[in-house]
Amino acid sequence: MKIADIPQVRAYAPEKITEALRTRKPARPLMPGEKHMIVACDHPARGALGAGSLPYAMADRQEVLARCVAALKRPGVTGFLGTADMVEDLALLGVLDGMHVFGSMNRTGLQGARFEIDDRADCYSPAGIVKAGLEGGKTLTRICYEDPATPAALYSTAQAVNALSAEKKITMIEPFVSYWEDGVIKNNLSPEAVIKSITVASGLGENTAYTWLKLPCVDDMERVMAATTLPSLILGGEVSQDAEAVFAHWSRVMRLPNIFGLVVGRSLLFPSDGDVEKAVDTAVELVR
């Protein structure tokens, strides 16, 4: 199937989406010593369409899908993280076979909104993740001490952990200590703040046997990662003009014993030089 055919399938044969997910070749478990290289594309559902200096880089869905397909076809890529619309389109295109697929659960906190910290589940639910045959779900969990929406977001994450762990599915928590500045929500990326976000996220839910963390790559990662025994993945973050420096930092962090790979979106899908395949291949070499 071609990307241009997807609207016709959605209009006239939507049952093919369910069938594509049902017949998807399952992922094999991660073996000892292996690390994940997961491609992420869930930012658009939060209204975050920018990449690098381009505020609407991700506005063309066919372009985004083409870049995702190119990335997922590279050797060494182990998975995909996205909202239901992205997962369904890529399943129709047949590129999720054998991949560890994680459904993004909460995109309620729209970028730039006055309610941005309100990270309740509104995309995949735990039940929907199980029904779609995905390997797990991901939740953005921002901890803002001065915003009263934070407790509801923490509670929502805990409920997701409970429901997914009951089905032996992974919950990938992406925690931040966040704050408001001039009407914009920002994340505190100091080692101390990341450590605090880790300790809060690690305690959510009544069964953390299937909880993983998705963390920013910050300074002093040895001290940061000493804060948890949970398996953790490094998130790619914003597109950088100095890709070599970013890759070098990732490479050093990959040596830590509780880091199990990368989850990267815009940095790979919209690299500064435009070469998706090259960016993905470089990231794969780092996790190896």
Protein backbone atom coordinates (compact mmCIF):
# COMPACT_ATOMS: atom_id res chain seq x y z
CA MET A 1 0.00 0.00 0.00
CA LYS A 2 1.10 3.55 -0.72
CA ILE A 3 0.74 6.47 1.65
CA ALA A 4 -1.57 8.18 -0.85
CA ASP A 5 -3.98 5.21 -0.62
CA ILE A 6 -4.61 5.55 3.12
CA PRO A 7 -7.54 8.06 2.90
CA GLN A 8 -9.38 5.67 0.56
CA VAL A 9 -8.90 2.78 2.97
CA ARG A 10 -10.07 4.87 5.91
CA ALA A 11 -13.14 6.03 3.97
CA TYR A 12 -14.24 2.78 2.33
CA ALA A 13 -12.58 -0.11 4.18
CA PRO A 14 -11.75 0.95 7.76
CA GLU A 15 -11.90 -2.67 8.89
CA LYS A 16 -8.51 -3.10 7.20
CA ILE A 17 -6.97 -1.06 10.02
CA THR A 18 -8.10 -3.57 12.64
CA GLU A 19 -6.92 -6.40 10.41
CA ALA A 20 -3.51 -4.81 9.89
CA LEU A 21 -3.01 -4.53 13.65
CA ARG A 22 -4.33 -8.05 14.28
CA THR A 23 -2.02 -9.66 11.74
CA ARG A 24 1.06 -7.59 12.63
CA LYS A 25 4.05 -9.82 13.25
CA PRO A 26 4.75 -9.59 16.99
CA ALA A 27 8.01 -8.27 18.36
CA ARG A 28 10.44 -10.66 19.96
CA PRO A 29 11.53 -9.87 23.54
CA LEU A 30 14.60 -7.74 24.10
CA MET A 31 17.47 -10.13 24.86
CA PRO A 32 20.13 -9.52 27.55
CA GLY A 33 22.71 -7.08 26.23
CA GLU A 34 20.40 -5.68 23.52
CA LYS A 35 19.16 -2.09 23.51
CA HIS A 36 16.13 -0.44 21.94
CA MET A 37 16.19 2.05 19.07
CA ILE A 38 12.62 3.37 19.01
CA VAL A 39 11.32 5.96 16.54
CA ALA A 40 8.79 8.36 18.10
CA CYS A 41 6.13 10.48 16.45
CA ASP A 42 3.46 11.67 18.87
CA HIS A 43 4.21 15.40 19.03
CA PRO A 44 1.66 16.44 16.36
CA ALA A 45 -1.26 15.25 18.51
CA ARG A 46 -0.22 17.81 21.13
CA GLY A 47 -0.16 20.56 18.52
CA ALA A 48 3.65 20.54 18.56
CA LEU A 49 4.47 20.64 14.86
CA GLY A 50 7.86 22.30 14.93
CA ALA A 51 11.26 20.76 14.27
CA GLY A 52 14.44 22.79 14.39
CA SER A 53 13.78 26.26 13.01
CA LEU A 54 10.62 25.20 11.12
CA PRO A 55 7.44 25.79 13.17
CA TYR A 56 5.27 23.65 10.85
CA ALA A 57 7.79 20.99 9.81
CA MET A 58 5.41 18.20 10.82
CA ALA A 59 2.26 19.68 9.31
CA ASP A 60 2.35 17.54 6.14
CA ARG A 61 1.14 14.10 7.24
CA GLN A 62 2.30 12.33 4.08
CA GLU A 63 5.78 13.79 4.55
CA VAL A 64 5.84 12.73 8.20
CA LEU A 65 4.71 9.21 7.31
CA ALA A 66 7.33 8.94 4.57
CA ARG A 67 10.05 9.90 7.03
CA CYS A 68 8.73 7.42 9.60
CA VAL A 69 8.71 4.65 6.99
CA ALA A 70 12.28 5.48 5.98
CA ALA A 71 13.39 5.39 9.62
CA LEU A 72 11.56 2.17 10.51
CA LYS A 73 13.08 0.33 7.56
CA ARG A 74 16.65 0.89 8.75
CA PRO A 75 18.43 -2.14 10.24
CA GLY A 76 18.61 -2.08 14.01
CA VAL A 77 15.42 -0.09 14.63
CA THR A 78 13.40 -1.97 17.23
CA GLY A 79 10.18 -0.04 17.67
CA PHE A 80 7.78 2.85 17.22
CA LEU A 81 6.00 5.19 19.63
CA GLY A 82 2.96 7.16 18.50
CA THR A 83 -0.71 8.02 18.77
CA ALA A 84 -3.40 5.76 17.30
CA ASP A 85 -3.62 7.63 13.99
CA MET A 86 0.11 7.20 13.36
CA VAL A 87 0.20 3.58 14.53
CA GLU A 88 -2.77 2.70 12.32
CA ASP A 89 -1.33 4.37 9.21
CA LEU A 90 2.04 2.68 9.68
CA ALA A 91 0.38 -0.69 10.32
CA LEU A 92 -1.49 -0.30 7.01
CA LEU A 93 1.85 0.42 5.34
CA GLY A 94 3.25 -2.81 6.79
CA VAL A 95 6.28 -1.32 8.53
CA LEU A 96 5.40 -2.27 12.13
CA ASP A 97 5.95 -6.02 11.74
CA GLY A 98 8.35 -7.26 14.40
CA MET A 99 8.46 -3.85 16.08
CA HIS A 100 7.91 -3.02 19.75
CA VAL A 101 5.00 -0.59 19.39
CA PHE A 102 4.04 1.79 22.19
CA GLY A 103 0.84 3.82 22.18
CA SER A 104 1.00 7.42 23.37
CA MET A 105 -1.71 7.83 25.99
CA ASN A 106 -1.92 11.52 26.90
CA ARG A 107 -1.78 14.50 24.56
CA THR A 108 -4.27 16.66 26.48
CA GLY A 109 -1.66 19.23 27.48
CA LEU A 110 -1.58 21.06 24.16
CA GLN A 111 1.58 23.02 23.44
CA GLY A 112 1.14 26.67 24.34
CA ALA A 113 -2.23 26.20 26.09
CA ARG A 114 -3.04 27.70 29.47
CA PHE A 115 -3.98 24.15 30.50
CA GLU A 116 -0.80 22.59 29.08
CA ILE A 117 0.19 20.88 32.33
CA ASP A 118 -3.09 18.90 32.33
CA ASP A 119 -1.63 15.62 31.08
CA ARG A 120 -4.66 13.34 31.43
CA ALA A 121 -5.07 10.31 29.16
CA ASP A 122 -6.99 11.16 25.99
CA CYS A 123 -5.41 9.06 23.22
CA TYR A 124 -4.73 5.37 23.77
CA SER A 125 -6.22 3.87 26.91
CA PRO A 126 -4.70 0.78 28.53
CA ALA A 127 -7.62 -1.25 27.19
CA GLY A 128 -7.06 0.16 23.71
CA ILE A 129 -3.37 -0.74 23.87
CA VAL A 130 -4.23 -4.32 24.76
CA LYS A 131 -6.92 -4.52 22.06
CA ALA A 132 -4.52 -3.22 19.39
CA GLY A 133 -1.89 -5.77 20.39
CA LEU A 134 0.73 -3.16 21.28
CA GLU A 135 3.68 -3.84 23.56
CA GLY A 136 2.88 -1.00 25.93
CA GLY A 137 1.93 2.62 26.44
CA LYS A 138 3.72 5.88 27.09
CA THR A 139 2.64 8.73 29.32
CA LEU A 140 4.00 12.28 29.57
CA THR A 141 3.99 13.13 33.29
CA ARG A 142 4.93 16.71 34.11
CA ILE A 143 5.20 17.70 37.76
CA CYS A 144 4.49 21.39 38.24
CA TYR A 145 4.44 22.34 41.92
CA GLU A 146 2.52 25.58 41.37
CA ASP A 147 -0.12 24.15 39.02
CA PRO A 148 -3.21 22.49 40.57
CA ALA A 149 -3.64 20.23 37.53
CA THR A 150 -0.57 18.20 38.55
CA PRO A 151 -2.26 15.78 41.00
CA ALA A 152 -4.79 14.69 38.36
CA ALA A 153 -1.96 14.05 35.89
CA LEU A 154 -0.07 11.98 38.47
CA TYR A 155 -3.21 10.03 39.30
CA SER A 156 -3.86 9.37 35.60
CA THR A 157 -0.34 7.99 35.20
CA ALA A 158 -0.75 5.75 38.24
CA GLN A 159 -4.01 4.36 36.88
CA ALA A 160 -2.31 3.62 33.56
CA VAL A 161 0.50 1.79 35.37
CA ASN A 162 -2.04 -0.29 37.28
CA ALA A 163 -4.08 -1.24 34.22
CA LEU A 164 -1.13 -2.01 31.93
CA SER A 165 0.85 -3.97 34.53
CA ALA A 166 -2.24 -6.14 35.10
CA GLU A 167 -1.97 -7.11 31.42
CA LYS A 168 1.84 -7.48 31.61
CA LYS A 169 2.27 -4.49 29.32
CA ILE A 170 4.98 -1.86 29.71
CA THR A 171 4.18 1.66 30.90
CA MET A 172 6.84 4.07 29.66
CA ILE A 173 6.69 7.16 31.89
CA GLU A 174 8.29 10.39 30.64
CA PRO A 175 8.58 12.57 33.77
CA PHE A 176 9.67 16.18 34.12
CA VAL A 177 9.73 18.78 36.85
CA SER A 178 8.11 21.69 35.02
CA TYR A 179 7.41 25.34 35.73
CA TRP A 180 5.60 28.32 34.26
CA GLU A 181 7.66 31.25 32.93
CA ASP A 182 6.04 34.19 31.14
CA GLY A 183 2.98 32.10 30.32
CA VAL A 184 4.98 29.18 28.89
CA ILE A 185 5.49 25.78 30.52
CA LYS A 186 9.15 24.77 30.60
CA ASN A 187 10.99 21.70 31.83
CA ASN A 188 13.75 21.96 34.42
CA LEU A 189 16.62 19.91 32.97
CA SER A 190 19.05 20.25 35.85
CA PRO A 191 20.31 16.90 37.19
CA GLU A 192 18.62 17.59 40.53
CA ALA A 193 15.23 18.21 38.90
CA VAL A 194 15.50 15.09 36.73
CA ILE A 195 16.43 13.03 39.79
CA LYS A 196 13.35 14.34 41.61
CA SER A 197 11.10 13.55 38.61
CA ILE A 198 12.53 10.02 38.51
CA THR A 199 11.81 9.36 42.18
CA VAL A 200 8.23 10.59 41.85
CA ALA A 201 7.52 8.65 38.65
CA SER A 202 9.09 5.46 39.97
CA GLY A 203 6.62 5.30 42.84
CA LEU A 204 3.42 5.67 40.81
CA GLY A 205 1.03 2.72 40.75
CA GLU A 206 0.58 -0.42 42.80
CA ASN A 207 2.75 -2.68 40.61
CA THR A 208 5.86 -1.26 38.95
CA ALA A 209 7.17 -4.57 37.55
CA TYR A 210 6.39 -3.34 34.02
CA THR A 211 7.29 0.35 34.46
CA TRP A 212 10.05 1.88 32.33
CA LEU A 213 11.23 5.50 32.24
CA LYS A 214 11.87 7.80 29.26
CA LEU A 215 14.36 10.44 30.34
CA PRO A 216 16.18 13.48 28.94
CA CYS A 217 19.93 13.24 28.43
CA VAL A 218 21.25 15.87 30.85
CA ASP A 219 24.50 16.63 32.63
CA ASP A 220 25.87 14.21 35.22
CA MET A 221 23.81 11.24 33.99
CA GLU A 222 25.75 8.80 36.19
CA ARG A 223 24.35 10.54 39.28
CA VAL A 224 20.92 10.92 37.66
CA MET A 225 20.61 7.22 36.80
CA ALA A 226 21.66 6.21 40.31
CA ALA A 227 18.19 7.43 41.38
CA THR A 228 16.35 4.40 39.95
CA THR A 229 16.47 0.67 39.31
CA LEU A 230 13.82 0.93 36.59
CA PRO A 231 14.84 0.22 32.98
CA SER A 232 15.22 3.57 31.26
CA LEU A 233 15.35 4.92 27.72
CA ILE A 234 16.90 8.22 26.64
CA LEU A 235 14.66 10.63 24.73
CA GLY A 236 16.03 12.47 21.73
CA GLY A 237 14.64 15.92 22.40
CA GLU A 238 14.78 18.93 20.10
CA VAL A 239 16.54 18.98 16.74
CA SER A 240 20.10 20.21 17.29
CA GLN A 241 22.38 21.97 14.85
CA ASP A 242 25.32 20.22 16.52
CA ALA A 243 24.27 16.64 15.88
CA GLU A 244 27.76 15.27 16.54
CA ALA A 245 27.78 16.65 20.08
CA VAL A 246 24.34 15.16 20.76
CA PHE A 247 25.37 11.75 19.41
CA ALA A 248 28.55 11.82 21.50
CA HIS A 249 26.52 12.52 24.65
CA TRP A 250 24.13 9.67 23.85
CA SER A 251 27.06 7.34 23.26
CA ARG A 252 28.49 8.00 26.72
CA VAL A 253 25.13 7.51 28.40
CA MET A 254 24.45 4.21 26.60
CA ARG A 255 27.19 2.62 28.73
CA LEU A 256 25.19 3.04 31.95
CA PRO A 257 23.76 -0.29 33.16
CA ASN A 258 20.12 0.78 33.52
CA ILE A 259 19.93 2.55 30.14
CA PHE A 260 18.29 0.26 27.60
CA GLY A 261 18.26 2.39 24.48
CA LEU A 262 16.94 5.47 22.74
CA VAL A 263 13.51 6.86 21.90
CA VAL A 264 14.05 9.55 19.29
CA GLY A 265 11.58 11.52 17.18
CA ARG A 266 12.27 14.87 15.56
CA SER A 267 16.05 14.59 15.87
CA LEU A 268 15.95 11.57 13.55
CA LEU A 269 12.91 12.38 11.43
CA PHE A 270 13.98 15.99 10.78
CA PRO A 271 17.79 16.08 11.15
CA SER A 272 19.50 19.36 10.35
CA ASP A 273 21.07 17.91 7.18
CA GLY A 274 17.80 16.30 6.03
CA ASP A 275 19.26 12.77 5.82
CA VAL A 276 16.88 10.57 7.82
CA GLU A 277 18.61 7.29 6.98
CA LYS A 278 22.02 8.59 8.00
CA ALA A 279 20.69 9.96 11.31
CA VAL A 280 18.95 6.68 12.15
CA ASP A 281 21.99 4.59 11.23
CA THR A 282 24.20 6.73 13.46
CA ALA A 283 21.77 6.34 16.36
CA VAL A 284 21.63 2.57 15.84
CA GLU A 285 25.41 2.36 16.04
CA LEU A 286 25.33 4.30 19.31
CA VAL A 287 22.91 1.92 21.00
CA ARG A 288 24.93 -1.06 19.82
